[in-house]
């Protein structure tokens, strides 16, 4: 059976936030991109899509930089 070529709305629209895992090692923080988040239409909530779930550290949501918005699949 063929797959539909229609992508979910979250993959078409650039994310409102990027999700990062931040692990502190001594004085340094290591940031790894782990997903993205989009506002709901009424802007009263967010949908968070994570590619991985970290078991330590913290998850930080940040607005994408201009060059990150232009990345394919971002």
PDB file of N, CA and C in Angstrom:
ATOM      1  N   UNK A   1       0.846  -1.185   0.000  1.00  0.00           N
ATOM      2  CA  UNK A   1       0.000   0.000   0.000  1.00  0.00           C
ATOM      3  C   UNK A   1       0.887   1.243   0.000  1.00  0.00           C
ATOM      4  N   UNK A   2       0.561   2.192  -0.839  1.00  0.00           N
ATOM      5  CA  UNK A   2       1.356   3.414  -0.961  1.00  0.00           C
ATOM      6  C   UNK A   2       1.084   4.346   0.212  1.00  0.00           C
ATOM      7  N   UNK A   3       2.114   5.061   0.611  1.00  0.00           N
ATOM      8  CA  UNK A   3       1.953   6.036   1.675  1.00  0.00           C
ATOM      9  C   UNK A   3       1.441   7.349   1.109  1.00  0.00           C
ATOM     10  N   UNK A   4       0.709   8.064   1.903  1.00  0.00           N
ATOM     11  CA  UNK A   4       0.217   9.375   1.492  1.00  0.00           C
ATOM     12  C   UNK A   4       1.381  10.358   1.440  1.00  0.00           C
ATOM     13  N   UNK A   5       1.379  11.212   0.445  1.00  0.00           N
ATOM     14  CA  UNK A   5       2.446  12.207   0.334  1.00  0.00           C
ATOM     15  C   UNK A   5       2.107  13.489   1.081  1.00  0.00           C
ATOM     16  N   UNK A   6       0.978  13.504   1.762  1.00  0.00           N
ATOM     17  CA  UNK A   6       0.576  14.688   2.513  1.00  0.00           C
ATOM     18  C   UNK A   6       1.293  14.706   3.848  1.00  0.00           C
ATOM     19  N   UNK A   7       2.044  15.768   4.092  1.00  0.00           N
ATOM     20  CA  UNK A   7       2.784  15.903   5.345  1.00  0.00           C
ATOM     21  C   UNK A   7       1.891  16.544   6.392  1.00  0.00           C
ATOM     22  N   UNK A   8       2.054  16.183   7.667  1.00  0.00           N
ATOM     23  CA  UNK A   8       1.299  16.850   8.726  1.00  0.00           C
ATOM     24  C   UNK A   8       1.598  18.343   8.741  1.00  0.00           C
ATOM     25  N   UNK A   9       0.670  19.124   9.263  1.00  0.00           N
ATOM     26  CA  UNK A   9       0.820  20.582   9.287  1.00  0.00           C
ATOM     27  C   UNK A   9       2.097  21.003   9.999  1.00  0.00           C
ATOM     28  N   UNK A  10       2.531  20.255  11.013  1.00  0.00           N
ATOM     29  CA  UNK A  10       3.731  20.634  11.758  1.00  0.00           C
ATOM     30  C   UNK A  10       4.975  20.555  10.882  1.00  0.00           C
ATOM     31  N   UNK A  11       5.002  19.687   9.892  1.00  0.00           N
ATOM     32  CA  UNK A  11       6.182  19.579   9.036  1.00  0.00           C
ATOM     33  C   UNK A  11       6.186  20.650   7.952  1.00  0.00           C
ATOM     34  N   UNK A  12       5.032  21.226   7.628  1.00  0.00           N
ATOM     35  CA  UNK A  12       4.935  22.261   6.605  1.00  0.00           C
ATOM     36  C   UNK A  12       5.314  23.617   7.190  1.00  0.00           C
ATOM     37  N   UNK A  13       4.807  23.921   8.374  1.00  0.00           N
ATOM     38  CA  UNK A  13       5.061  25.206   9.020  1.00  0.00           C
ATOM     39  C   UNK A  13       6.363  25.144   9.805  1.00  0.00           C
ATOM     40  N   UNK A  14       7.165  26.189   9.728  1.00  0.00           N
ATOM     41  CA  UNK A  14       8.370  26.193  10.555  1.00  0.00           C
ATOM     42  C   UNK A  14       7.975  26.217  12.034  1.00  0.00           C
ATOM     43  N   UNK A  15       8.759  25.613  12.890  1.00  0.00           N
ATOM     44  CA  UNK A  15       8.391  25.562  14.307  1.00  0.00           C
ATOM     45  C   UNK A  15       8.480  26.935  14.959  1.00  0.00           C
ATOM     46  N   UNK A  16       7.636  27.129  15.973  1.00  0.00           N
ATOM     47  CA  UNK A  16       7.690  28.358  16.762  1.00  0.00           C
ATOM     48  C   UNK A  16       8.841  28.307  17.765  1.00  0.00           C
ATOM     49  N   UNK A  17       9.183  27.097  18.209  1.00  0.00           N
ATOM     50  CA  UNK A  17      10.283  26.886  19.144  1.00  0.00           C
ATOM     51  C   UNK A  17      11.062  25.641  18.740  1.00  0.00           C
ATOM     52  N   UNK A  18      12.332  25.618  19.052  1.00  0.00           N
ATOM     53  CA  UNK A  18      13.136  24.412  18.922  1.00  0.00           C
ATOM     54  C   UNK A  18      13.377  23.873  20.327  1.00  0.00           C
ATOM     55  N   UNK A  19      13.340  22.561  20.467  1.00  0.00           N
ATOM     56  CA  UNK A  19      13.583  21.919  21.752  1.00  0.00           C
ATOM     57  C   UNK A  19      15.031  21.457  21.809  1.00  0.00           C
ATOM     58  N   UNK A  20      15.693  21.779  22.903  1.00  0.00           N
ATOM     59  CA  UNK A  20      17.102  21.449  23.095  1.00  0.00           C
ATOM     60  C   UNK A  20      17.278  20.699  24.408  1.00  0.00           C
ATOM     61  N   UNK A  21      18.139  19.692  24.409  1.00  0.00           N
ATOM     62  CA  UNK A  21      18.550  19.032  25.642  1.00  0.00           C
ATOM     63  C   UNK A  21      19.833  19.715  26.075  1.00  0.00           C
ATOM     64  N   UNK A  22      19.879  20.155  27.330  1.00  0.00           N
ATOM     65  CA  UNK A  22      21.065  20.827  27.852  1.00  0.00           C
ATOM     66  C   UNK A  22      21.629  19.986  28.988  1.00  0.00           C
ATOM     67  N   UNK A  23      22.845  19.518  28.804  1.00  0.00           N
ATOM     68  CA  UNK A  23      23.537  18.741  29.835  1.00  0.00           C
ATOM     69  C   UNK A  23      24.738  19.542  30.305  1.00  0.00           C
ATOM     70  N   UNK A  24      24.845  19.743  31.592  1.00  0.00           N
ATOM     71  CA  UNK A  24      25.976  20.478  32.155  1.00  0.00           C
ATOM     72  C   UNK A  24      27.091  19.506  32.493  1.00  0.00           C
ATOM     73  N   UNK A  25      28.265  19.806  32.002  1.00  0.00           N
ATOM     74  CA  UNK A  25      29.468  19.015  32.295  1.00  0.00           C
ATOM     75  C   UNK A  25      30.507  19.988  32.821  1.00  0.00           C
ATOM     76  N   UNK A  26      30.632  20.054  34.123  1.00  0.00           N
ATOM     77  CA  UNK A  26      31.548  21.027  34.720  1.00  0.00           C
ATOM     78  C   UNK A  26      31.008  22.427  34.512  1.00  0.00           C
ATOM     79  N   UNK A  27      31.832  23.295  33.950  1.00  0.00           N
ATOM     80  CA  UNK A  27      31.429  24.681  33.706  1.00  0.00           C
ATOM     81  C   UNK A  27      30.730  24.873  32.373  1.00  0.00           C
ATOM     82  N   UNK A  28      30.681  23.821  31.540  1.00  0.00           N
ATOM     83  CA  UNK A  28      30.118  23.950  30.196  1.00  0.00           C
ATOM     84  C   UNK A  28      28.740  23.296  30.112  1.00  0.00           C
ATOM     85  N   UNK A  29      27.893  23.883  29.268  1.00  0.00           N
ATOM     86  CA  UNK A  29      26.611  23.280  28.943  1.00  0.00           C
ATOM     87  C   UNK A  29      26.643  22.802  27.501  1.00  0.00           C
ATOM     88  N   UNK A  30      26.241  21.556  27.280  1.00  0.00           N
ATOM     89  CA  UNK A  30      26.216  20.994  25.937  1.00  0.00           C
ATOM     90  C   UNK A  30      24.776  20.946  25.451  1.00  0.00           C
ATOM     91  N   UNK A  31      24.495  21.588  24.320  1.00  0.00           N
ATOM     92  CA  UNK A  31      23.152  21.705  23.769  1.00  0.00           C
ATOM     93  C   UNK A  31      23.008  20.769  22.571  1.00  0.00           C
ATOM     94  N   UNK A  32      21.954  19.956  22.595  1.00  0.00           N
ATOM     95  CA  UNK A  32      21.647  19.049  21.501  1.00  0.00           C
ATOM     96  C   UNK A  32      20.203  19.263  21.090  1.00  0.00           C
ATOM     97  N   UNK A  33      19.974  19.525  19.814  1.00  0.00           N
ATOM     98  CA  UNK A  33      18.607  19.732  19.324  1.00  0.00           C
ATOM     99  C   UNK A  33      17.859  18.396  19.338  1.00  0.00           C
ATOM    100  N   UNK A  34      16.685  18.382  19.984  1.00  0.00           N
ATOM    101  CA  UNK A  34      15.951  17.127  20.124  1.00  0.00           C
ATOM    102  C   UNK A  34      14.519  17.197  19.598  1.00  0.00           C
ATOM    103  N   UNK A  35      14.064  18.361  19.152  1.00  0.00           N
ATOM    104  CA  UNK A  35      12.695  18.439  18.647  1.00  0.00           C
ATOM    105  C   UNK A  35      12.262  19.864  18.374  1.00  0.00           C
ATOM    106  N   UNK A  36      10.932  20.043  18.301  1.00  0.00           N
ATOM    107  CA  UNK A  36      10.369  21.355  17.978  1.00  0.00           C
ATOM    108  C   UNK A  36       8.976  21.467  18.585  1.00  0.00           C
ATOM    109  N   UNK A  37       8.467  22.706  18.624  1.00  0.00           N
ATOM    110  CA  UNK A  37       7.130  22.960  19.172  1.00  0.00           C
ATOM    111  C   UNK A  37       6.419  24.000  18.321  1.00  0.00           C
ATOM    112  N   UNK A  38       5.102  23.826  18.206  1.00  0.00           N
ATOM    113  CA  UNK A  38       4.251  24.731  17.437  1.00  0.00           C
ATOM    114  C   UNK A  38       3.096  25.183  18.307  1.00  0.00           C
ATOM    115  N   UNK A  39       2.738  26.477  18.182  1.00  0.00           N
ATOM    116  CA  UNK A  39       1.557  26.991  18.876  1.00  0.00           C
ATOM    117  C   UNK A  39       0.298  26.364  18.291  1.00  0.00           C
ATOM    118  N   UNK A  40      -0.700  26.152  19.132  1.00  0.00           N
ATOM    119  CA  UNK A  40      -2.021  25.769  18.647  1.00  0.00           C
ATOM    120  C   UNK A  40      -2.639  26.981  17.955  1.00  0.00           C
ATOM    121  N   UNK A  41      -3.653  26.749  17.143  1.00  0.00           N
ATOM    122  CA  UNK A  41      -4.275  27.867  16.401  1.00  0.00           C
ATOM    123  C   UNK A  41      -4.753  28.976  17.321  1.00  0.00           C
ATOM    124  N   UNK A  42      -5.287  28.599  18.504  1.00  0.00           N
ATOM    125  CA  UNK A  42      -5.780  29.627  19.436  1.00  0.00           C
ATOM    126  C   UNK A  42      -4.656  30.223  20.285  1.00  0.00           C
ATOM    127  N   UNK A  43      -3.429  29.729  20.086  1.00  0.00           N
ATOM    128  CA  UNK A  43      -2.226  30.207  20.778  1.00  0.00           C
ATOM    129  C   UNK A  43      -2.317  30.071  22.294  1.00  0.00           C
ATOM    130  N   UNK A  44      -3.155  29.139  22.759  1.00  0.00           N
ATOM    131  CA  UNK A  44      -3.280  28.898  24.201  1.00  0.00           C
ATOM    132  C   UNK A  44      -2.527  27.649  24.638  1.00  0.00           C
ATOM    133  N   UNK A  45      -1.798  27.051  23.723  1.00  0.00           N
ATOM    134  CA  UNK A  45      -1.034  25.854  24.047  1.00  0.00           C
ATOM    135  C   UNK A  45      -0.032  25.556  22.956  1.00  0.00           C
ATOM    136  N   UNK A  46       0.754  24.505  23.166  1.00  0.00           N
ATOM    137  CA  UNK A  46       1.790  24.104  22.224  1.00  0.00           C
ATOM    138  C   UNK A  46       1.705  22.608  21.964  1.00  0.00           C
ATOM    139  N   UNK A  47       2.090  22.207  20.763  1.00  0.00           N
ATOM    140  CA  UNK A  47       2.320  20.801  20.453  1.00  0.00           C
ATOM    141  C   UNK A  47       3.823  20.614  20.398  1.00  0.00           C
ATOM    142  N   UNK A  48       4.319  19.653  21.173  1.00  0.00           N
ATOM    143  CA  UNK A  48       5.746  19.402  21.267  1.00  0.00           C
ATOM    144  C   UNK A  48       6.045  18.066  20.604  1.00  0.00           C
ATOM    145  N   UNK A  49       6.954  18.080  19.628  1.00  0.00           N
ATOM    146  CA  UNK A  49       7.370  16.861  18.952  1.00  0.00           C
ATOM    147  C   UNK A  49       8.838  16.636  19.273  1.00  0.00           C
ATOM    148  N   UNK A  50       9.118  15.544  19.999  1.00  0.00           N
ATOM    149  CA  UNK A  50      10.484  15.211  20.372  1.00  0.00           C
ATOM    150  C   UNK A  50      10.969  14.041  19.540  1.00  0.00           C
ATOM    151  N   UNK A  51      12.191  14.130  19.045  1.00  0.00           N
ATOM    152  CA  UNK A  51      12.810  13.037  18.305  1.00  0.00           C
ATOM    153  C   UNK A  51      13.463  12.052  19.266  1.00  0.00           C
ATOM    154  N   UNK A  52      13.946  12.544  20.402  1.00  0.00           N
ATOM    155  CA  UNK A  52      14.518  11.721  21.464  1.00  0.00           C
ATOM    156  C   UNK A  52      14.063  12.297  22.803  1.00  0.00           C
ATOM    157  N   UNK A  53      14.100  11.473  23.838  1.00  0.00           N
ATOM    158  CA  UNK A  53      13.740  11.932  25.176  1.00  0.00           C
ATOM    159  C   UNK A  53      14.950  11.721  26.084  1.00  0.00           C
ATOM    160  N   UNK A  54      15.545  12.805  26.568  1.00  0.00           N
ATOM    161  CA  UNK A  54      16.722  12.667  27.418  1.00  0.00           C
ATOM    162  C   UNK A  54      16.345  12.120  28.801  1.00  0.00           C
ATOM    163  N   UNK A  55      17.303  11.439  29.432  1.00  0.00           N
ATOM    164  CA  UNK A  55      17.045  10.897  30.768  1.00  0.00           C
ATOM    165  C   UNK A  55      17.687  11.748  31.854  1.00  0.00           C
ATOM    166  N   UNK A  56      18.438  12.759  31.467  1.00  0.00           N
ATOM    167  CA  UNK A  56      19.041  13.662  32.445  1.00  0.00           C
ATOM    168  C   UNK A  56      19.105  15.047  31.849  1.00  0.00           C
ATOM    169  N   UNK A  57      19.586  16.001  32.618  1.00  0.00           N
ATOM    170  CA  UNK A  57      19.691  17.365  32.109  1.00  0.00           C
ATOM    171  C   UNK A  57      18.336  18.041  32.081  1.00  0.00           C
ATOM    172  N   UNK A  58      18.177  18.988  31.184  1.00  0.00           N
ATOM    173  CA  UNK A  58      16.907  19.716  31.085  1.00  0.00           C
ATOM    174  C   UNK A  58      16.558  19.934  29.623  1.00  0.00           C
ATOM    175  N   UNK A  59      15.269  20.201  29.364  1.00  0.00           N
ATOM    176  CA  UNK A  59      14.798  20.529  28.019  1.00  0.00           C
ATOM    177  C   UNK A  59      14.506  22.020  27.992  1.00  0.00           C
ATOM    178  N   UNK A  60      15.054  22.702  26.998  1.00  0.00           N
ATOM    179  CA  UNK A  60      14.878  24.146  26.840  1.00  0.00           C
ATOM    180  C   UNK A  60      14.194  24.392  25.503  1.00  0.00           C
ATOM    181  N   UNK A  61      13.158  25.250  25.496  1.00  0.00           N
ATOM    182  CA  UNK A  61      12.507  25.672  24.260  1.00  0.00           C
ATOM    183  C   UNK A  61      12.978  27.079  23.930  1.00  0.00           C
ATOM    184  N   UNK A  62      13.495  27.245  22.708  1.00  0.00           N
ATOM    185  CA  UNK A  62      13.987  28.546  22.258  1.00  0.00           C
ATOM    186  C   UNK A  62      13.415  28.849  20.886  1.00  0.00           C
ATOM    187  N   UNK A  63      13.201  30.129  20.604  1.00  0.00           N
ATOM    188  CA  UNK A  63      12.763  30.499  19.266  1.00  0.00           C
ATOM    189  C   UNK A  63      13.910  30.241  18.299  1.00  0.00           C
ATOM    190  N   UNK A  64      13.589  29.752  17.094  1.00  0.00           N
ATOM    191  CA  UNK A  64      14.657  29.469  16.128  1.00  0.00           C
ATOM    192  C   UNK A  64      15.328  30.750  15.647  1.00  0.00           C
ATOM    193  N   UNK A  65      16.602  30.643  15.345  1.00  0.00           N
ATOM    194  CA  UNK A  65      17.306  31.741  14.694  1.00  0.00           C
ATOM    195  C   UNK A  65      16.865  31.762  13.237  1.00  0.00           C
ATOM    196  N   UNK A  66      17.073  32.862  12.549  1.00  0.00           N
ATOM    197  CA  UNK A  66      16.637  32.987  11.150  1.00  0.00           C
ATOM    198  C   UNK A  66      17.195  31.871  10.263  1.00  0.00           C
ATOM    199  N   UNK A  67      18.477  31.521  10.448  1.00  0.00           N
ATOM    200  CA  UNK A  67      19.077  30.489   9.610  1.00  0.00           C
ATOM    201  C   UNK A  67      18.522  29.095   9.943  1.00  0.00           C
ATOM    202  N   UNK A  68      18.057  28.874  11.174  1.00  0.00           N
ATOM    203  CA  UNK A  68      17.458  27.588  11.534  1.00  0.00           C
ATOM    204  C   UNK A  68      16.074  27.430  10.918  1.00  0.00           C
ATOM    205  N   UNK A  69      15.361  28.530  10.720  1.00  0.00           N
ATOM    206  CA  UNK A  69      14.038  28.470  10.094  1.00  0.00           C
ATOM    207  C   UNK A  69      14.136  28.067   8.631  1.00  0.00           C
ATOM    208  N   UNK A  70      15.269  28.366   7.985  1.00  0.00           N
ATOM    209  CA  UNK A  70      15.437  28.085   6.561  1.00  0.00           C
ATOM    210  C   UNK A  70      15.887  26.659   6.287  1.00  0.00           C
ATOM    211  N   UNK A  71      16.333  25.921   7.331  1.00  0.00           N
ATOM    212  CA  UNK A  71      16.819  24.571   7.147  1.00  0.00           C
ATOM    213  C   UNK A  71      15.694  23.662   6.656  1.00  0.00           C
ATOM    214  N   UNK A  72      15.941  22.785   5.693  1.00  0.00           N
ATOM    215  CA  UNK A  72      14.918  21.832   5.297  1.00  0.00           C
ATOM    216  C   UNK A  72      14.662  20.845   6.420  1.00  0.00           C
ATOM    217  N   UNK A  73      13.390  20.605   6.703  1.00  0.00           N
ATOM    218  CA  UNK A  73      13.009  19.684   7.769  1.00  0.00           C
ATOM    219  C   UNK A  73      13.134  20.245   9.157  1.00  0.00           C
ATOM    220  N   UNK A  74      13.404  21.537   9.292  1.00  0.00           N
ATOM    221  CA  UNK A  74      13.558  22.147  10.614  1.00  0.00           C
ATOM    222  C   UNK A  74      12.235  22.352  11.289  1.00  0.00           C
TER     223      UNK A  74
END
